[in-house]
């Protein structure tokens, strides 16, 4: 098999980031198999990816924690590598339901790694998060910053990272990439796939865009008294298609000398909440009503990435600017006001 014709298992491949990564994988010549339980995604997203790419995609509806199902997939396929997205991801919900988050996110990853090991498939790109940096003492954040977490979601990501580092120390045949995302936004340029939260959005941009199409009345801005240019929180927002391409680059960078490495995936630039609101208004022509609320516990004033390691080691950097993010987000939301429903 030529390198780029190798088959990749994508867990959570019907989700927001997973679906965009599947597009990027297929465009780069990889074959894809999706495992997804559709607990926070839609089978329609796979149909739309097939439409974008002009090809059919094999998938199985199953939980990554179901050992028999995962084992069955590996028995039927010869996988070159795995990209692991499948996880619960709502910070607030994780505080209320910690056992559910640890069961799904940590036990699911353990099950996957065990089956991979049994089938001699030891290449993995893992979907981690900048939440593993906790409340950073300074910005920009480098990969060498101390690791901690302020909520069970972040803890679950950090636990899986630690499992991967221990696994590599025990067996150097593993080739492991940990991608620490900052704040993914926007949608595929076709407007066919995008972020479709199953409930009231936890993240800023789907909330803003749902106000834009009239699904929600008003945006809550939590805190306007931070030590930032306009008092609102500053974050590193990255176009989801840039993030998807980072997974392909991480996959292509795996080799016998790679080991277990962590990479920040962001733009290296921070934007405030109100800057994001204004940029969305420019792109959409809509006025976004908002009200200022008290700060939320656990929120930090400013968080953005130092991305030099990703540029140097993965030959990757974010390409899309803020205006492009907003144009693509508005195209998705205006064409799909109710998401995939």
Protein backbone atom coordinates (compact mmCIF):
# COMPACT_ATOMS: atom_id res chain seq x y z
CA UNK A 1 0.00 0.00 0.00
CA UNK A 2 1.20 3.53 -0.71
CA UNK A 3 1.51 5.59 2.46
CA UNK A 4 -1.46 7.87 1.71
CA UNK A 5 -3.75 4.97 0.80
CA UNK A 6 -3.58 3.56 4.33
CA UNK A 7 -6.77 3.04 6.29
CA UNK A 8 -7.42 5.21 9.34
CA UNK A 9 -9.91 4.47 12.12
CA UNK A 10 -11.54 7.74 13.24
CA UNK A 11 -13.45 7.41 16.52
CA UNK A 12 -16.07 10.14 16.89
CA UNK A 13 -15.73 10.79 13.17
CA UNK A 14 -19.31 12.06 12.81
CA UNK A 15 -18.76 14.86 15.32
CA UNK A 16 -17.82 18.47 14.67
CA UNK A 17 -14.03 18.16 14.53
CA UNK A 18 -14.11 14.52 13.47
CA UNK A 19 -16.22 15.14 10.35
CA UNK A 20 -13.94 17.95 9.16
CA UNK A 21 -10.89 15.77 9.77
CA UNK A 22 -12.43 12.95 7.75
CA UNK A 23 -12.78 15.39 4.82
CA UNK A 24 -9.13 16.38 5.17
CA UNK A 25 -7.99 12.74 5.41
CA UNK A 26 -9.89 11.72 2.26
CA UNK A 27 -8.62 14.79 0.38
CA UNK A 28 -5.09 13.67 1.30
CA UNK A 29 -5.62 10.16 -0.06
CA UNK A 30 -6.34 8.24 3.13
CA UNK A 31 -9.08 5.63 3.47
CA UNK A 32 -11.35 6.17 6.48
CA UNK A 33 -13.50 4.03 8.77
CA UNK A 34 -15.68 5.86 11.32
CA UNK A 35 -16.72 4.58 14.74
CA UNK A 36 -19.34 6.78 16.42
CA UNK A 37 -22.19 6.18 18.86
CA UNK A 38 -24.05 9.34 17.66
CA UNK A 39 -24.63 10.46 21.25
CA UNK A 40 -23.57 13.99 20.33
CA UNK A 41 -23.42 13.79 16.54
CA UNK A 42 -25.57 12.93 13.54
CA UNK A 43 -25.32 10.25 10.87
CA UNK A 44 -26.32 13.03 8.45
CA UNK A 45 -22.85 14.55 8.88
CA UNK A 46 -21.32 11.39 7.35
CA UNK A 47 -23.73 11.65 4.41
CA UNK A 48 -22.65 15.25 3.90
CA UNK A 49 -18.95 14.36 4.09
CA UNK A 50 -19.61 11.74 1.40
CA UNK A 51 -21.23 14.49 -0.67
CA UNK A 52 -18.23 16.82 -0.22
CA UNK A 53 -15.68 14.10 -1.02
CA UNK A 54 -17.62 12.20 -3.67
CA UNK A 55 -17.01 8.84 -2.02
CA UNK A 56 -18.77 6.45 0.35
CA UNK A 57 -17.49 6.01 3.91
CA UNK A 58 -17.71 2.86 6.04
CA UNK A 59 -18.91 3.42 9.59
CA UNK A 60 -20.20 1.51 12.60
CA UNK A 61 -22.57 2.84 15.24
CA UNK A 62 -20.98 1.72 18.51
CA UNK A 63 -19.41 2.99 21.72
CA UNK A 64 -15.61 3.11 21.86
CA UNK A 65 -15.94 1.53 25.32
CA UNK A 66 -17.60 -1.58 23.80
CA UNK A 67 -14.64 -3.94 23.57
CA UNK A 68 -16.41 -6.53 21.41
CA UNK A 69 -17.43 -3.87 18.87
CA UNK A 70 -13.96 -2.31 18.71
CA UNK A 71 -12.31 -5.72 18.46
CA UNK A 72 -14.69 -6.66 15.63
CA UNK A 73 -13.67 -3.57 13.66
CA UNK A 74 -9.98 -4.43 14.01
CA UNK A 75 -10.60 -8.04 13.01
CA UNK A 76 -12.29 -6.87 9.80
CA UNK A 77 -9.84 -4.06 8.87
CA UNK A 78 -6.11 -3.48 8.59
CA UNK A 79 -5.65 -0.06 10.16
CA UNK A 80 -2.49 1.98 9.72
CA UNK A 81 -3.39 4.33 12.59
CA UNK A 82 -6.20 5.68 14.77
CA UNK A 83 -7.38 9.25 15.34
CA UNK A 84 -9.31 9.31 18.61
CA UNK A 85 -11.98 12.01 19.02
CA UNK A 86 -14.77 10.08 20.77
CA UNK A 87 -15.33 11.81 24.13
CA UNK A 88 -17.80 13.93 26.05
CA UNK A 89 -16.67 17.56 26.01
CA UNK A 90 -18.92 19.92 28.00
CA UNK A 91 -16.98 21.41 30.91
CA UNK A 92 -20.04 22.39 32.97
CA UNK A 93 -21.66 19.00 32.48
CA UNK A 94 -18.42 17.28 33.51
CA UNK A 95 -18.55 19.10 36.86
CA UNK A 96 -22.10 17.83 37.42
CA UNK A 97 -21.49 14.29 36.08
CA UNK A 98 -17.84 13.42 36.78
CA UNK A 99 -18.34 9.64 36.84
CA UNK A 100 -19.98 9.68 33.43
CA UNK A 101 -17.09 11.70 32.01
CA UNK A 102 -14.35 9.51 33.49
CA UNK A 103 -16.19 6.35 32.39
CA UNK A 104 -16.60 7.55 28.80
CA UNK A 105 -13.43 9.54 28.22
CA UNK A 106 -10.87 7.55 30.22
CA UNK A 107 -12.29 4.02 30.09
CA UNK A 108 -13.14 4.44 26.41
CA UNK A 109 -9.55 5.43 25.60
CA UNK A 110 -8.18 2.56 27.71
CA UNK A 111 -10.35 0.08 25.83
CA UNK A 112 -9.26 1.47 22.48
CA UNK A 113 -5.55 1.37 23.39
CA UNK A 114 -5.84 -2.20 24.65
CA UNK A 115 -7.45 -3.41 21.42
CA UNK A 116 -4.94 -1.44 19.31
CA UNK A 117 -2.10 -3.13 21.22
CA UNK A 118 -3.64 -6.57 20.70
CA UNK A 119 -3.77 -5.96 16.93
CA UNK A 120 -0.27 -4.42 16.67
CA UNK A 121 -1.70 -1.03 15.61
CA UNK A 122 0.40 1.39 17.65
CA UNK A 123 0.00 4.74 15.90
CA UNK A 124 -2.42 7.20 17.50
CA UNK A 125 -3.30 10.88 17.16
CA UNK A 126 -5.22 11.92 20.28
CA UNK A 127 -7.68 14.77 20.59
CA UNK A 128 -6.64 16.59 23.77
CA UNK A 129 -7.34 20.14 24.91
CA UNK A 130 -5.73 23.33 26.18
CA UNK A 131 -7.73 22.70 29.38
CA UNK A 132 -4.80 20.49 30.48
CA UNK A 133 -2.88 23.72 31.22
CA UNK A 134 -5.38 24.65 33.94
CA UNK A 135 -5.05 28.34 34.83
CA UNK A 136 -1.77 29.27 33.09
CA UNK A 137 0.49 31.76 34.85
CA UNK A 138 1.31 33.57 31.59
CA UNK A 139 0.64 33.62 27.85
CA UNK A 140 1.40 32.48 25.21
CA UNK A 141 1.26 28.89 26.45
CA UNK A 142 4.03 26.49 25.40
CA UNK A 143 3.86 22.70 25.53
CA UNK A 144 6.33 22.69 28.44
CA UNK A 145 3.95 24.58 30.78
CA UNK A 146 2.91 22.72 33.97
CA UNK A 147 -0.11 20.47 33.46
CA UNK A 148 -3.18 20.57 35.67
CA UNK A 149 -6.93 20.79 35.19
CA UNK A 150 -9.74 22.71 36.86
CA UNK A 151 -12.64 20.40 35.91
CA UNK A 152 -13.34 16.68 35.27
CA UNK A 153 -13.37 17.17 31.48
CA UNK A 154 -9.82 18.58 31.58
CA UNK A 155 -8.79 15.92 34.09
CA UNK A 156 -10.07 13.18 31.78
CA UNK A 157 -7.96 14.53 28.90
CA UNK A 158 -4.90 14.81 31.14
CA UNK A 159 -5.41 11.25 32.43
CA UNK A 160 -5.43 9.87 28.89
CA UNK A 161 -2.31 11.92 28.06
CA UNK A 162 -0.58 10.38 31.10
CA UNK A 163 -1.69 6.89 30.07
CA UNK A 164 -0.17 7.48 26.62
CA UNK A 165 3.13 8.72 28.09
CA UNK A 166 3.30 5.68 30.39
CA UNK A 167 2.47 3.40 27.47
CA UNK A 168 5.35 4.78 25.41
CA UNK A 169 7.77 4.48 28.32
CA UNK A 170 6.81 0.80 28.59
CA UNK A 171 6.90 0.08 24.84
CA UNK A 172 8.80 2.32 22.42
CA UNK A 173 7.08 0.78 19.38
CA UNK A 174 4.16 3.17 19.98
CA UNK A 175 4.01 6.36 17.88
CA UNK A 176 1.78 8.88 19.65
CA UNK A 177 0.74 12.48 18.98
CA UNK A 178 -1.24 14.52 21.48
CA UNK A 179 -2.95 17.56 19.93
CA UNK A 180 -3.96 20.21 22.46
CA UNK A 181 -6.67 22.28 20.81
CA UNK A 182 -7.48 25.81 21.74
CA UNK A 183 -10.94 27.01 20.55
CA UNK A 184 -12.22 25.44 17.30
CA UNK A 185 -14.77 27.54 15.40
CA UNK A 186 -16.31 27.98 11.92
CA UNK A 187 -17.32 25.30 9.43
CA UNK A 188 -16.39 23.73 6.09
CA UNK A 189 -16.43 26.26 3.25
CA UNK A 190 -19.22 24.31 1.50
CA UNK A 191 -21.63 25.09 4.35
CA UNK A 192 -22.57 21.38 4.41
CA UNK A 193 -20.96 20.43 7.74
CA UNK A 194 -20.45 22.43 10.91
CA UNK A 195 -20.97 22.53 14.66
CA UNK A 196 -24.42 21.35 15.74
CA UNK A 197 -24.68 21.15 19.54
CA UNK A 198 -27.42 18.81 20.74
CA UNK A 199 -28.52 21.28 23.43
CA UNK A 200 -27.93 24.95 24.28
CA UNK A 201 -24.34 25.56 23.09
CA UNK A 202 -21.52 25.46 25.64
CA UNK A 203 -19.14 27.34 23.34
CA UNK A 204 -19.17 30.98 22.33
CA UNK A 205 -19.40 30.86 18.54
CA UNK A 206 -22.30 28.40 18.08
CA UNK A 207 -24.14 30.45 20.70
CA UNK A 208 -23.50 33.69 18.77
CA UNK A 209 -24.50 32.11 15.46
CA UNK A 210 -27.73 30.72 16.94
CA UNK A 211 -28.58 34.23 18.17
CA UNK A 212 -27.82 35.36 14.60
CA UNK A 213 -30.43 33.01 13.09
CA UNK A 214 -32.98 33.66 15.83
CA UNK A 215 -32.79 30.31 17.62
CA UNK A 216 -31.58 32.05 20.78
CA UNK A 217 -32.54 35.53 21.97
CA UNK A 218 -29.43 36.91 23.60
CA UNK A 219 -25.78 36.13 24.22
CA UNK A 220 -24.55 36.05 27.83
CA UNK A 221 -21.08 37.58 28.18
CA UNK A 222 -19.56 36.29 31.42
CA UNK A 223 -17.45 39.06 32.91
CA UNK A 224 -16.36 42.43 31.49
CA UNK A 225 -13.85 43.27 34.22
CA UNK A 226 -10.91 41.05 33.23
CA UNK A 227 -7.46 42.53 32.69
CA UNK A 228 -7.88 42.48 28.89
CA UNK A 229 -8.26 45.29 26.30
CA UNK A 230 -12.08 45.44 26.56
CA UNK A 231 -12.55 43.57 29.86
CA UNK A 232 -13.93 40.37 28.28
CA UNK A 233 -12.10 37.05 28.17
CA UNK A 234 -9.48 36.48 25.46
CA UNK A 235 -9.14 33.09 23.71
CA UNK A 236 -7.29 31.56 20.77
CA UNK A 237 -9.93 30.70 18.12
CA UNK A 238 -8.92 28.41 15.27
CA UNK A 239 -10.80 27.49 12.09
CA UNK A 240 -11.94 23.87 12.31
CA UNK A 241 -10.55 23.16 8.82
CA UNK A 242 -7.10 24.32 9.99
CA UNK A 243 -7.50 22.04 13.00
CA UNK A 244 -8.50 19.15 10.72
CA UNK A 245 -5.38 19.66 8.62
CA UNK A 246 -3.26 19.52 11.78
CA UNK A 247 -4.47 15.94 12.33
CA UNK A 248 -3.35 14.93 8.85
CA UNK A 249 0.05 16.56 9.42
CA UNK A 250 0.35 14.82 12.80
CA UNK A 251 -0.49 11.49 11.16
CA UNK A 252 2.10 12.03 8.43
CA UNK A 253 4.75 12.96 11.03
CA UNK A 254 4.45 9.64 12.89
CA UNK A 255 7.51 7.43 12.48
CA UNK A 256 9.66 5.03 14.51
CA UNK A 257 11.62 7.94 16.04
CA UNK A 258 8.55 10.02 16.92
CA UNK A 259 7.80 8.76 20.42
CA UNK A 260 5.01 10.47 22.37
CA UNK A 261 4.81 14.19 21.63
CA UNK A 262 2.36 16.98 22.49
CA UNK A 263 1.49 19.89 20.19
CA UNK A 264 -0.47 23.09 20.67
CA UNK A 265 -3.00 23.61 17.87
CA UNK A 266 -4.12 27.24 17.73
CA UNK A 267 -3.40 30.45 15.84
CA UNK A 268 -1.14 31.98 18.48
CA UNK A 269 -3.40 35.03 18.65
CA UNK A 270 -6.07 35.91 21.19
CA UNK A 271 -9.42 37.59 20.51
CA UNK A 272 -11.83 38.87 23.14
CA UNK A 273 -15.50 37.89 23.36
CA UNK A 274 -16.61 41.32 22.12
CA UNK A 275 -14.12 41.20 19.23
CA UNK A 276 -15.70 37.90 18.18
CA UNK A 277 -19.18 39.40 18.40
CA UNK A 278 -18.16 42.35 16.19
CA UNK A 279 -16.43 40.09 13.65
CA UNK A 280 -19.55 37.90 13.41
CA UNK A 281 -21.75 40.97 12.93
CA UNK A 282 -19.47 42.09 10.07
CA UNK A 283 -19.69 38.73 8.33
CA UNK A 284 -23.42 38.13 8.84
CA UNK A 285 -24.95 41.58 8.76
CA UNK A 286 -26.85 40.59 11.93
CA UNK A 287 -26.90 42.49 15.22
CA UNK A 288 -26.06 40.24 18.17
CA UNK A 289 -27.86 41.20 21.36
CA UNK A 290 -25.81 40.47 24.46
CA UNK A 291 -25.93 41.08 28.18
CA UNK A 292 -23.03 41.11 30.60
CA UNK A 293 -23.25 38.53 33.39
CA UNK A 294 -20.98 37.85 36.39
CA UNK A 295 -17.79 35.92 35.75
CA UNK A 296 -18.03 32.13 35.74
CA UNK A 297 -15.94 30.16 38.21
CA UNK A 298 -12.85 28.63 36.62
CA UNK A 299 -12.69 31.02 33.65
CA UNK A 300 -9.29 32.59 33.02
CA UNK A 301 -8.76 36.10 31.64
CA UNK A 302 -6.54 35.20 28.70
CA UNK A 303 -5.49 31.96 27.01
CA UNK A 304 -3.67 31.58 23.69
CA UNK A 305 -1.06 29.27 22.22
CA UNK A 306 2.59 29.36 21.35
CA UNK A 307 2.47 27.27 18.16
CA UNK A 308 6.17 27.18 17.21
CA UNK A 309 6.54 23.47 17.98
CA UNK A 310 3.65 22.54 15.66
CA UNK A 311 5.15 24.68 12.91
CA UNK A 312 8.63 23.21 13.31
CA UNK A 313 7.79 19.55 13.95
CA UNK A 314 4.56 19.07 11.99
CA UNK A 315 5.12 21.64 9.22
CA UNK A 316 1.70 23.04 10.12
CA UNK A 317 0.29 26.44 10.87
CA UNK A 318 -3.18 27.97 10.85
CA UNK A 319 -4.07 29.59 7.51
CA UNK A 320 -7.52 31.13 8.03
CA UNK A 321 -8.03 34.57 9.59
CA UNK A 322 -10.87 35.78 11.82
CA UNK A 323 -13.00 37.18 8.99
CA UNK A 324 -12.81 33.87 7.10
CA UNK A 325 -13.80 31.98 10.25
CA UNK A 326 -16.89 34.14 10.60
CA UNK A 327 -17.87 33.94 6.92
CA UNK A 328 -17.71 30.15 6.96
CA UNK A 329 -19.55 29.95 10.29
CA UNK A 330 -22.37 32.17 9.01
CA UNK A 331 -22.64 30.20 5.74
CA UNK A 332 -23.12 26.97 7.73
CA UNK A 333 -25.58 28.43 10.24
CA UNK A 334 -27.65 30.41 7.72
CA UNK A 335 -27.93 27.37 5.39
CA UNK A 336 -28.67 25.07 8.34
CA UNK A 337 -30.53 27.17 10.93
CA UNK A 338 -31.56 24.02 12.80
CA UNK A 339 -28.27 22.20 12.27
CA UNK A 340 -28.57 18.71 10.82
CA UNK A 341 -32.17 18.33 12.00
